[in-house]
Amino acid sequence: MFDLTGKKALVTGGSRGIGQGIALALAKQGADVAINFHSKAQEAEAVVASIKALGRDILATLSLLETSAWMAKESRPKALMEATTTSASWALE
């Protein structure tokens, strides 16, 4: 397919369904993955275990701000982080 080694991906709703499938597919291609979930902590933990088993870095969080910080560990497009933070600002009020 394609090599995503050294890339990071953000998957919202990554604890189940299509989001889970996308997170696992990205990790299989070499990406480190951050998943954001709302209330399915057990399902998120299962995704974390699966992605760690692939040897990839994984973050599962309820906080999009934490996700943005994780993605920024290396240089990432500033616009992506600003868009993530802006679209998540309603959740902080």
N, C-alpha and C. Protein backbone atom coordinates (compact mmCIF):
# COMPACT_ATOMS: atom_id res chain seq x y z
N MET A 1 0.83 -1.18 0.00
CA MET A 1 0.00 0.00 0.00
C MET A 1 0.88 1.25 0.00
N PHE A 2 1.08 1.87 1.17
CA PHE A 2 1.91 3.06 1.28
C PHE A 2 2.56 3.08 2.64
N ASP A 3 3.69 3.78 2.76
CA ASP A 3 4.46 3.81 4.00
C ASP A 3 4.19 5.12 4.75
N LEU A 4 3.70 5.01 5.97
CA LEU A 4 3.43 6.17 6.80
C LEU A 4 4.41 6.27 7.98
N THR A 5 5.51 5.57 7.90
CA THR A 5 6.51 5.60 8.96
C THR A 5 6.97 7.04 9.19
N GLY A 6 6.99 7.45 10.46
CA GLY A 6 7.40 8.80 10.81
C GLY A 6 6.27 9.82 10.77
N LYS A 7 5.09 9.39 10.38
CA LYS A 7 3.93 10.28 10.33
C LYS A 7 3.05 10.04 11.55
N LYS A 8 2.26 11.04 11.91
CA LYS A 8 1.29 10.92 12.99
C LYS A 8 -0.09 11.18 12.43
N ALA A 9 -1.06 10.45 12.94
CA ALA A 9 -2.44 10.59 12.46
C ALA A 9 -3.38 10.80 13.63
N LEU A 10 -4.37 11.63 13.44
CA LEU A 10 -5.42 11.86 14.42
C LEU A 10 -6.71 11.26 13.89
N VAL A 11 -7.31 10.37 14.68
CA VAL A 11 -8.57 9.74 14.29
C VAL A 11 -9.59 10.03 15.39
N THR A 12 -10.57 10.86 15.08
CA THR A 12 -11.63 11.10 16.06
C THR A 12 -12.60 9.93 16.00
N GLY A 13 -13.13 9.56 17.14
CA GLY A 13 -14.02 8.40 17.19
C GLY A 13 -13.27 7.12 16.94
N GLY A 14 -12.01 7.06 17.34
CA GLY A 14 -11.16 5.92 17.03
C GLY A 14 -11.33 4.71 17.93
N SER A 15 -12.26 4.75 18.86
CA SER A 15 -12.41 3.62 19.78
C SER A 15 -13.32 2.52 19.23
N ARG A 16 -14.07 2.82 18.16
CA ARG A 16 -14.98 1.80 17.64
C ARG A 16 -15.36 2.10 16.19
N GLY A 17 -15.97 1.12 15.57
CA GLY A 17 -16.51 1.29 14.23
C GLY A 17 -15.49 1.68 13.18
N ILE A 18 -15.90 2.58 12.29
CA ILE A 18 -15.05 3.01 11.19
C ILE A 18 -13.77 3.67 11.71
N GLY A 19 -13.90 4.49 12.76
CA GLY A 19 -12.73 5.16 13.32
C GLY A 19 -11.69 4.16 13.81
N GLN A 20 -12.14 3.10 14.46
CA GLN A 20 -11.23 2.06 14.93
C GLN A 20 -10.52 1.40 13.74
N GLY A 21 -11.28 1.09 12.72
CA GLY A 21 -10.69 0.47 11.53
C GLY A 21 -9.66 1.36 10.87
N ILE A 22 -9.95 2.64 10.80
CA ILE A 22 -9.01 3.59 10.20
C ILE A 22 -7.75 3.70 11.05
N ALA A 23 -7.91 3.79 12.37
CA ALA A 23 -6.75 3.89 13.27
C ALA A 23 -5.84 2.68 13.11
N LEU A 24 -6.43 1.49 13.08
CA LEU A 24 -5.64 0.26 12.93
C LEU A 24 -4.96 0.21 11.56
N ALA A 25 -5.67 0.60 10.52
CA ALA A 25 -5.10 0.59 9.17
C ALA A 25 -3.91 1.55 9.07
N LEU A 26 -4.05 2.74 9.65
CA LEU A 26 -2.95 3.71 9.63
C LEU A 26 -1.74 3.17 10.39
N ALA A 27 -1.97 2.56 11.55
CA ALA A 27 -0.88 1.99 12.34
C ALA A 27 -0.19 0.85 11.58
N LYS A 28 -0.96 0.04 10.89
CA LYS A 28 -0.37 -1.06 10.10
C LYS A 28 0.52 -0.53 9.00
N GLN A 29 0.26 0.68 8.54
CA GLN A 29 1.08 1.30 7.50
C GLN A 29 2.25 2.10 8.09
N GLY A 30 2.40 2.07 9.42
CA GLY A 30 3.57 2.68 10.06
C GLY A 30 3.32 3.98 10.80
N ALA A 31 2.12 4.51 10.78
CA ALA A 31 1.84 5.79 11.45
C ALA A 31 1.69 5.59 12.96
N ASP A 32 2.11 6.59 13.72
CA ASP A 32 1.75 6.68 15.12
C ASP A 32 0.37 7.33 15.13
N VAL A 33 -0.48 6.92 16.06
CA VAL A 33 -1.88 7.31 15.99
C VAL A 33 -2.36 7.91 17.31
N ALA A 34 -3.13 8.97 17.21
CA ALA A 34 -3.86 9.53 18.35
C ALA A 34 -5.33 9.29 18.08
N ILE A 35 -6.03 8.69 19.04
CA ILE A 35 -7.47 8.55 18.90
C ILE A 35 -8.16 9.38 19.96
N ASN A 36 -9.25 9.95 19.58
CA ASN A 36 -10.06 10.73 20.49
C ASN A 36 -11.38 9.99 20.62
N PHE A 37 -11.87 9.88 21.85
CA PHE A 37 -13.13 9.19 22.07
C PHE A 37 -13.97 9.96 23.07
N HIS A 38 -15.25 9.69 23.08
CA HIS A 38 -16.16 10.42 23.96
C HIS A 38 -16.49 9.64 25.23
N SER A 39 -16.85 8.37 25.09
CA SER A 39 -17.29 7.64 26.28
C SER A 39 -16.95 6.16 26.28
N LYS A 40 -16.29 5.66 25.28
CA LYS A 40 -16.02 4.22 25.15
C LYS A 40 -14.59 3.90 25.57
N ALA A 41 -14.28 4.10 26.86
CA ALA A 41 -12.91 3.93 27.35
C ALA A 41 -12.40 2.49 27.18
N GLN A 42 -13.25 1.49 27.44
CA GLN A 42 -12.80 0.10 27.30
C GLN A 42 -12.44 -0.21 25.85
N GLU A 43 -13.27 0.27 24.93
CA GLU A 43 -12.98 0.05 23.52
C GLU A 43 -11.70 0.77 23.12
N ALA A 44 -11.49 1.97 23.64
CA ALA A 44 -10.27 2.73 23.35
C ALA A 44 -9.05 1.98 23.86
N GLU A 45 -9.14 1.38 25.05
CA GLU A 45 -8.03 0.61 25.61
C GLU A 45 -7.68 -0.58 24.71
N ALA A 46 -8.69 -1.21 24.12
CA ALA A 46 -8.45 -2.34 23.21
C ALA A 46 -7.72 -1.86 21.95
N VAL A 47 -8.08 -0.70 21.43
CA VAL A 47 -7.40 -0.15 20.26
C VAL A 47 -5.96 0.19 20.62
N VAL A 48 -5.75 0.76 21.79
CA VAL A 48 -4.39 1.08 22.25
C VAL A 48 -3.54 -0.19 22.28
N ALA A 49 -4.06 -1.25 22.85
CA ALA A 49 -3.31 -2.52 22.93
C ALA A 49 -2.98 -3.05 21.54
N SER A 50 -3.94 -2.98 20.63
CA SER A 50 -3.72 -3.48 19.27
C SER A 50 -2.65 -2.68 18.54
N ILE A 51 -2.68 -1.37 18.70
CA ILE A 51 -1.71 -0.52 18.01
C ILE A 51 -0.32 -0.65 18.65
N LYS A 52 -0.26 -0.77 19.97
CA LYS A 52 1.03 -1.00 20.62
C LYS A 52 1.63 -2.32 20.17
N ALA A 53 0.79 -3.33 19.96
CA ALA A 53 1.27 -4.63 19.50
C ALA A 53 1.91 -4.53 18.11
N LEU A 54 1.52 -3.52 17.35
CA LEU A 54 2.11 -3.28 16.03
C LEU A 54 3.43 -2.50 16.14
N GLY A 55 3.79 -2.11 17.37
CA GLY A 55 5.03 -1.37 17.58
C GLY A 55 4.92 0.12 17.31
N ARG A 56 3.69 0.64 17.30
CA ARG A 56 3.46 2.04 17.03
C ARG A 56 3.17 2.79 18.32
N ASP A 57 3.39 4.10 18.30
CA ASP A 57 3.05 4.98 19.42
C ASP A 57 1.56 5.30 19.30
N ILE A 58 0.87 5.35 20.45
CA ILE A 58 -0.58 5.57 20.44
C ILE A 58 -0.96 6.46 21.61
N LEU A 59 -1.86 7.38 21.38
CA LEU A 59 -2.45 8.20 22.43
C LEU A 59 -3.96 8.08 22.30
N ALA A 60 -4.62 7.76 23.40
CA ALA A 60 -6.08 7.74 23.44
C ALA A 60 -6.51 8.75 24.49
N THR A 61 -7.35 9.69 24.11
CA THR A 61 -7.70 10.75 25.03
C THR A 61 -9.10 11.29 24.78
N LEU A 62 -9.64 11.87 25.82
CA LEU A 62 -10.91 12.59 25.70
C LEU A 62 -10.66 14.04 25.29
N SER A 63 -9.41 14.49 25.41
CA SER A 63 -9.07 15.90 25.22
C SER A 63 -8.42 16.16 23.87
N LEU A 64 -9.05 16.97 23.04
CA LEU A 64 -8.44 17.34 21.77
C LEU A 64 -7.23 18.25 21.98
N LEU A 65 -7.20 18.99 23.08
CA LEU A 65 -6.03 19.82 23.35
C LEU A 65 -4.82 18.95 23.66
N GLU A 66 -5.01 17.89 24.42
CA GLU A 66 -3.92 16.95 24.70
C GLU A 66 -3.46 16.29 23.40
N THR A 67 -4.40 15.94 22.54
CA THR A 67 -4.07 15.34 21.25
C THR A 67 -3.22 16.30 20.43
N SER A 68 -3.59 17.57 20.40
CA SER A 68 -2.82 18.56 19.65
C SER A 68 -1.40 18.67 20.18
N ALA A 69 -1.24 18.64 21.50
CA ALA A 69 0.10 18.72 22.09
C ALA A 69 0.93 17.50 21.70
N TRP A 70 0.31 16.32 21.70
CA TRP A 70 1.01 15.10 21.32
C TRP A 70 1.47 15.17 19.87
N MET A 71 0.60 15.65 19.00
CA MET A 71 0.95 15.74 17.59
C MET A 71 2.06 16.77 17.36
N ALA A 72 2.16 17.75 18.23
CA ALA A 72 3.13 18.82 18.06
C ALA A 72 4.52 18.46 18.57
N LYS A 73 4.69 17.26 19.13
CA LYS A 73 6.01 16.87 19.62
C LYS A 73 7.07 17.04 18.53
N GLU A 74 6.70 16.77 17.33
CA GLU A 74 7.56 17.01 16.19
C GLU A 74 6.89 18.08 15.35
N SER A 75 7.59 18.60 14.39
CA SER A 75 6.98 19.68 13.60
C SER A 75 5.77 19.15 12.84
N ARG A 76 4.67 19.76 13.07
CA ARG A 76 3.41 19.45 12.39
C ARG A 76 2.86 20.77 11.87
N PRO A 77 2.07 20.71 10.83
CA PRO A 77 1.50 21.97 10.33
C PRO A 77 0.72 22.71 11.41
N LYS A 78 1.10 23.95 11.64
CA LYS A 78 0.45 24.77 12.65
C LYS A 78 -1.04 24.91 12.38
N ALA A 79 -1.42 24.98 11.13
CA ALA A 79 -2.82 25.14 10.77
C ALA A 79 -3.66 23.97 11.26
N LEU A 80 -3.12 22.75 11.20
CA LEU A 80 -3.86 21.58 11.67
C LEU A 80 -4.15 21.70 13.15
N MET A 81 -3.14 22.07 13.93
CA MET A 81 -3.35 22.18 15.37
C MET A 81 -4.29 23.32 15.71
N GLU A 82 -4.19 24.42 14.99
CA GLU A 82 -5.11 25.53 15.24
C GLU A 82 -6.53 25.13 14.89
N ALA A 83 -6.71 24.42 13.80
CA ALA A 83 -8.05 23.99 13.40
C ALA A 83 -8.62 23.01 14.42
N THR A 84 -7.77 22.09 14.91
CA THR A 84 -8.22 21.12 15.91
C THR A 84 -8.64 21.84 17.19
N THR A 85 -7.81 22.77 17.63
CA THR A 85 -8.10 23.50 18.86
C THR A 85 -9.34 24.37 18.70
N THR A 86 -9.47 25.02 17.56
CA THR A 86 -10.63 25.88 17.32
C THR A 86 -11.91 25.07 17.28
N SER A 87 -11.89 23.95 16.57
CA SER A 87 -13.12 23.16 16.46
C SER A 87 -13.47 22.48 17.77
N ALA A 88 -12.50 22.32 18.66
CA ALA A 88 -12.76 21.68 19.95
C ALA A 88 -13.12 22.69 21.03
N SER A 89 -13.02 23.96 20.74
CA SER A 89 -13.20 24.97 21.79
C SER A 89 -14.59 24.93 22.40
N TRP A 90 -15.59 24.50 21.65
CA TRP A 90 -16.95 24.41 22.20
C TRP A 90 -17.00 23.42 23.35
N ALA A 91 -16.16 22.41 23.34
CA ALA A 91 -16.19 21.38 24.38
C ALA A 91 -15.61 21.88 25.70
N LEU A 92 -14.86 22.98 25.63
CA LEU A 92 -14.22 23.48 26.83
C LEU A 92 -15.07 24.46 27.59
N GLU A 93 -16.14 24.90 26.99
CA GLU A 93 -16.99 25.92 27.64
C GLU A 93 -18.01 25.29 28.56
